[in-house]
Amino acid sequence: MAFQVSTLSQKDFVIIQITDTHLLEYPHLEFVGMQPEQSFRAVIDLMRQQHPQIDMIVHTGDLAQSPTPVTYHRYLEHMQSLGIPFFQTPGNHDDIAHFPFHESDPNQPTVVEIGNWCIILLNSAQPKRIDGKIAAIGLEQLTELLKQYHDRHIIIACHHHPFAMQSTWIDQHKLKNSSDLLETIQPFSNIKAILCGHVHQDSVNTWQNVVFLSTPSTCIQFKPQSEKFALDEEHPGYRYICLKANGELETQVYRLSTSQRLKSSEVLGYD
């Protein structure tokens, strides 16, 4: 089943990528000296101030640090209150038993039609593992979807990063079958971008005219090009993407001007 956000074709669309919210079970709870809930809501407020017209929000995983029904319910309530279509795919900290999937089969891609564009969300999370892998059935379904939507401009989104960040510690936990993903998409010339989260930083890479984008977390940030786990001083943020009717896209990262100070580098179970 495909979700349809808009049937208009000769129109530019604004989508927002948020990622790695790491929400806790209750909004007042803290970790690493900050409240993920407060930071998440501040990023959403900034997003709404900067962009009065948003067509769609994509969350690329690690929605929860405490992946309980209470956490997910509160997230869904807040997102629904915005009145903007939103979609999410899980990260390594999420629990697939409680995660709000859009399809009954967790390995089935979520497909969103928006004008001349199609957004495909893939599940790269593996139970009880930090690194990622897209299941073989997921790649097979992606191939069929790319054939089906050969006349659309395509964006693919998943949690884990296919491209190395040149950070030894986080690159251990990347998408382990990224070569299979690249082999799957290589025959298709209409794929414009691949979005990911997981790395808590902004990055841009290009491969065969496909742009690979990672996006800052709405909470803590990871220091780029770091051999060992380290936090960065950058503020939380989100990614703005404008989808043009002609198949081009424009993108920019926006960050909060201030954020809570961190007390410790021992966080998230990566180090």
Protein backbone atom coordinates (compact mmCIF):
# COMPACT_ATOMS: atom_id res chain seq x y z
CA MET A 1 0.00 0.00 0.00
CA ALA A 2 1.24 3.47 -0.88
CA PHE A 3 0.40 6.57 1.14
CA GLN A 4 -0.53 9.56 -0.99
CA VAL A 5 0.36 13.01 0.35
CA SER A 6 -0.36 14.93 -2.86
CA THR A 7 -1.37 14.21 -6.44
CA LEU A 8 -0.19 17.61 -7.68
CA SER A 9 2.72 17.37 -10.10
CA GLN A 10 3.79 20.89 -11.11
CA LYS A 11 4.54 21.99 -7.57
CA ASP A 12 7.50 22.22 -5.22
CA PHE A 13 7.16 20.25 -1.98
CA VAL A 14 8.81 20.85 1.38
CA ILE A 15 9.73 17.81 3.44
CA ILE A 16 11.51 17.88 6.80
CA GLN A 17 13.81 15.15 8.05
CA ILE A 18 14.14 14.71 11.80
CA THR A 19 16.11 11.92 13.37
CA ASP A 20 17.49 10.38 16.55
CA THR A 21 15.06 11.98 18.98
CA HIS A 22 15.93 9.36 21.65
CA LEU A 23 12.79 10.12 23.63
CA LEU A 24 12.51 8.81 27.18
CA GLU A 25 9.44 7.29 28.80
CA TYR A 26 8.44 10.55 30.49
CA PRO A 27 9.12 14.09 29.25
CA HIS A 28 10.87 15.35 32.39
CA LEU A 29 13.54 12.62 32.36
CA GLU A 30 17.14 13.47 31.49
CA PHE A 31 20.17 11.73 30.11
CA VAL A 32 23.58 13.26 29.41
CA GLY A 33 22.41 16.38 31.19
CA MET A 34 19.60 17.18 28.78
CA GLN A 35 15.93 16.42 28.25
CA PRO A 36 15.43 14.84 24.81
CA GLU A 37 11.74 15.76 24.94
CA GLN A 38 12.44 19.46 25.44
CA SER A 39 15.05 19.49 22.68
CA PHE A 40 12.76 17.59 20.27
CA ARG A 41 9.91 20.03 20.82
CA ALA A 42 12.24 23.02 20.44
CA VAL A 43 13.41 21.66 17.07
CA ILE A 44 9.80 21.16 15.98
CA ASP A 45 8.99 24.74 17.03
CA LEU A 46 11.96 26.06 15.02
CA MET A 47 10.86 24.02 12.02
CA ARG A 48 7.39 25.55 12.12
CA GLN A 49 8.76 29.07 12.51
CA GLN A 50 11.12 28.68 9.57
CA HIS A 51 8.73 26.90 7.20
CA PRO A 52 5.05 27.93 7.34
CA GLN A 53 4.14 25.36 4.68
CA ILE A 54 5.44 21.82 5.23
CA ASP A 55 4.10 18.94 3.16
CA MET A 56 5.64 16.01 5.01
CA ILE A 57 7.94 15.00 7.89
CA VAL A 58 10.24 11.95 7.76
CA HIS A 59 11.79 10.54 10.96
CA THR A 60 14.78 8.29 10.24
CA GLY A 61 14.89 6.30 13.44
CA ASP A 62 16.00 6.05 17.05
CA LEU A 63 12.69 7.62 17.86
CA ALA A 64 13.01 6.32 21.42
CA GLN A 65 15.81 5.82 23.90
CA SER A 66 13.23 4.15 26.17
CA PRO A 67 11.21 2.24 23.54
CA THR A 68 8.01 1.66 25.51
CA PRO A 69 4.38 2.07 24.43
CA VAL A 70 4.18 5.19 26.62
CA THR A 71 7.07 6.83 24.75
CA TYR A 72 5.72 6.03 21.30
CA HIS A 73 2.18 7.10 22.22
CA ARG A 74 3.39 10.50 23.39
CA TYR A 75 5.44 10.96 20.21
CA LEU A 76 2.45 10.09 18.02
CA GLU A 77 0.16 12.46 19.93
CA HIS A 78 2.56 15.36 19.47
CA MET A 79 3.19 14.66 15.79
CA GLN A 80 -0.53 14.29 15.09
CA SER A 81 -1.17 17.65 16.73
CA LEU A 82 0.96 19.34 14.04
CA GLY A 83 -1.50 18.51 11.27
CA ILE A 84 1.35 17.50 8.92
CA PRO A 85 1.67 14.03 7.35
CA PHE A 86 4.55 12.21 9.05
CA PHE A 87 6.29 8.89 8.58
CA GLN A 88 8.97 7.03 10.53
CA THR A 89 11.30 4.06 10.20
CA PRO A 90 13.05 2.39 13.16
CA GLY A 91 16.60 2.70 14.46
CA ASN A 92 18.74 0.41 16.58
CA HIS A 93 17.35 1.83 19.85
CA ASP A 94 13.74 1.29 18.81
CA ASP A 95 11.73 -1.80 19.76
CA ILE A 96 9.91 -3.31 16.77
CA ALA A 97 7.36 -4.85 19.15
CA HIS A 98 6.06 -1.36 19.97
CA PHE A 99 7.30 0.80 17.08
CA PRO A 100 4.54 2.58 15.11
CA PHE A 101 5.11 0.93 11.74
CA HIS A 102 2.99 2.00 8.79
CA GLU A 103 2.80 -1.54 7.42
CA SER A 104 1.89 -4.78 9.19
CA ASP A 105 5.16 -6.38 8.05
CA PRO A 106 8.15 -4.52 9.62
CA ASN A 107 10.38 -5.49 6.67
CA GLN A 108 7.98 -4.07 4.11
CA PRO A 109 9.05 -0.63 2.85
CA THR A 110 6.77 2.34 3.48
CA VAL A 111 5.94 4.11 0.21
CA VAL A 112 4.77 7.73 0.11
CA GLU A 113 3.63 9.35 -3.14
CA ILE A 114 3.99 13.12 -3.28
CA GLY A 115 3.50 14.74 -6.69
CA ASN A 116 6.19 13.61 -9.13
CA TRP A 117 8.16 12.18 -6.22
CA CYS A 118 8.10 8.93 -4.27
CA ILE A 119 9.65 8.50 -0.80
CA ILE A 120 10.58 4.93 0.18
CA LEU A 121 11.36 4.21 3.84
CA LEU A 122 13.39 1.05 4.56
CA ASN A 123 13.88 -0.77 7.86
CA SER A 124 17.62 -1.18 8.53
CA ALA A 125 17.33 -2.03 12.25
CA GLN A 126 18.39 -5.45 13.55
CA PRO A 127 17.18 -6.84 16.89
CA LYS A 128 19.71 -6.33 19.70
CA ARG A 129 22.35 -4.95 17.32
CA ILE A 130 23.74 -1.46 16.84
CA ASP A 131 24.77 -1.90 13.21
CA GLY A 132 22.25 -2.08 10.42
CA LYS A 133 21.16 -4.41 7.66
CA ILE A 134 18.32 -4.27 5.17
CA ALA A 135 16.74 -7.71 4.96
CA ALA A 136 16.95 -9.54 1.64
CA ILE A 137 13.17 -9.39 1.28
CA GLY A 138 13.34 -5.63 1.82
CA LEU A 139 15.85 -5.24 -1.01
CA GLU A 140 13.72 -7.45 -3.27
CA GLN A 141 10.69 -5.30 -2.52
CA LEU A 142 12.76 -2.16 -3.15
CA THR A 143 13.70 -3.47 -6.60
CA GLU A 144 10.05 -4.05 -7.45
CA LEU A 145 9.09 -0.60 -6.19
CA LEU A 146 11.83 1.06 -8.23
CA LYS A 147 10.50 -0.71 -11.33
CA GLN A 148 6.95 0.33 -10.46
CA TYR A 149 7.88 3.97 -9.87
CA HIS A 150 10.33 4.30 -12.76
CA ASP A 151 8.58 7.52 -13.83
CA ARG A 152 8.92 9.23 -10.42
CA HIS A 153 11.81 10.97 -8.72
CA ILE A 154 12.86 8.74 -5.83
CA ILE A 155 14.17 9.40 -2.31
CA ILE A 156 15.11 6.44 -0.10
CA ALA A 157 15.34 6.78 3.68
CA CYS A 158 16.68 4.43 6.37
CA HIS A 159 18.30 4.76 9.78
CA HIS A 160 21.85 3.46 9.28
CA HIS A 161 24.46 5.26 7.19
CA PRO A 162 25.56 3.56 3.95
CA PHE A 163 28.58 5.89 3.59
CA ALA A 164 31.50 5.85 6.04
CA MET A 165 31.68 8.95 8.27
CA GLN A 166 35.48 8.61 8.73
CA SER A 167 34.76 8.08 12.44
CA THR A 168 36.16 4.69 13.41
CA TRP A 169 33.77 4.03 16.28
CA ILE A 170 30.49 4.87 14.47
CA ASP A 171 31.56 3.28 11.17
CA GLN A 172 31.63 -0.07 13.00
CA HIS A 173 27.88 0.38 13.29
CA LYS A 174 27.01 1.45 9.74
CA LEU A 175 24.70 -0.29 7.27
CA LYS A 176 26.57 -3.58 6.88
CA ASN A 177 25.09 -4.50 3.50
CA SER A 178 25.42 -1.06 1.95
CA SER A 179 27.03 -2.68 -1.12
CA ASP A 180 23.80 -4.66 -1.64
CA LEU A 181 21.80 -1.45 -1.41
CA LEU A 182 24.06 0.27 -3.95
CA GLU A 183 23.84 -2.73 -6.27
CA THR A 184 20.05 -2.62 -5.99
CA ILE A 185 19.74 1.06 -6.88
CA GLN A 186 22.54 1.19 -9.48
CA PRO A 187 20.34 0.34 -12.51
CA PHE A 188 17.87 3.14 -11.76
CA SER A 189 18.68 6.69 -12.87
CA ASN A 190 15.69 8.35 -11.16
CA ILE A 191 16.98 7.98 -7.56
CA LYS A 192 17.86 11.44 -6.30
CA ALA A 193 18.84 11.01 -2.66
CA ILE A 194 19.25 8.62 0.26
CA LEU A 195 18.54 9.99 3.75
CA CYS A 196 19.85 8.49 6.98
CA GLY A 197 20.16 9.21 10.68
CA HIS A 198 22.23 7.29 13.26
CA VAL A 199 25.39 9.42 13.04
CA HIS A 200 24.04 12.55 14.79
CA GLN A 201 25.76 14.90 12.33
CA ASP A 202 25.36 16.63 8.98
CA SER A 203 27.11 15.05 6.01
CA VAL A 204 26.82 15.05 2.22
CA ASN A 205 28.24 12.38 -0.10
CA THR A 206 27.57 11.69 -3.78
CA TRP A 207 27.68 8.41 -5.66
CA GLN A 208 26.61 8.09 -9.31
CA ASN A 209 24.53 11.29 -9.11
CA VAL A 210 22.76 10.10 -5.95
CA VAL A 211 23.27 12.40 -2.95
CA PHE A 212 23.60 10.72 0.46
CA LEU A 213 22.53 12.95 3.35
CA SER A 214 22.87 12.43 7.09
CA THR A 215 21.17 14.81 9.49
CA PRO A 216 21.79 16.17 12.99
CA SER A 217 19.93 14.64 15.90
CA THR A 218 17.21 16.59 17.68
CA CYS A 219 19.23 15.95 20.88
CA ILE A 220 22.96 15.25 21.28
CA GLN A 221 25.48 15.52 18.43
CA PHE A 222 28.44 13.24 17.64
CA LYS A 223 31.82 14.78 16.89
CA PRO A 224 32.74 14.27 13.19
CA GLN A 225 35.86 12.35 12.18
CA SER A 226 36.53 11.05 15.67
CA GLU A 227 38.37 7.78 16.28
CA LYS A 228 36.66 7.24 19.65
CA PHE A 229 33.17 8.12 20.81
CA ALA A 230 32.92 11.87 21.40
CA LEU A 231 30.15 14.46 21.62
CA ASP A 232 30.13 17.61 19.53
CA GLU A 233 29.37 21.19 20.54
CA GLU A 234 26.94 21.69 17.64
CA HIS A 235 23.28 22.27 18.52
CA PRO A 236 20.33 20.01 17.69
CA GLY A 237 18.67 20.45 14.32
CA TYR A 238 16.75 19.10 11.34
CA ARG A 239 17.05 18.95 7.55
CA TYR A 240 14.91 20.99 5.16
CA ILE A 241 14.46 19.49 1.67
CA CYS A 242 12.63 21.19 -1.18
CA LEU A 243 11.54 18.75 -3.89
CA LYS A 244 11.31 20.49 -7.26
CA ALA A 245 8.83 19.44 -9.92
CA ASN A 246 11.74 19.01 -12.37
CA GLY A 247 13.47 16.40 -10.18
CA GLU A 248 16.00 18.67 -8.54
CA LEU A 249 16.19 19.14 -4.78
CA GLU A 250 17.48 21.83 -2.46
CA THR A 251 18.47 21.08 1.11
CA GLN A 252 19.73 22.88 4.19
CA VAL A 253 20.33 21.99 7.82
CA TYR A 254 18.79 24.25 10.48
CA ARG A 255 19.89 24.18 14.11
CA LEU A 256 18.72 25.63 17.40
CA SER A 257 20.65 28.73 18.40
CA THR A 258 21.09 27.38 21.93
CA SER A 259 20.71 24.01 23.62
CA GLN A 260 21.25 22.35 26.97
CA ARG A 261 24.81 21.73 28.09
CA LEU A 262 26.00 18.16 28.39
CA LYS A 263 27.46 16.65 31.56
CA SER A 264 28.98 13.41 30.35
CA SER A 265 30.16 11.58 27.27
CA GLU A 266 28.89 8.20 28.50
CA VAL A 267 25.72 7.81 26.53
CA LEU A 268 23.73 5.56 24.23
CA GLY A 269 25.85 2.43 24.71
CA TYR A 270 28.17 3.01 21.73
CA ASP A 271 31.47 3.59 23.54
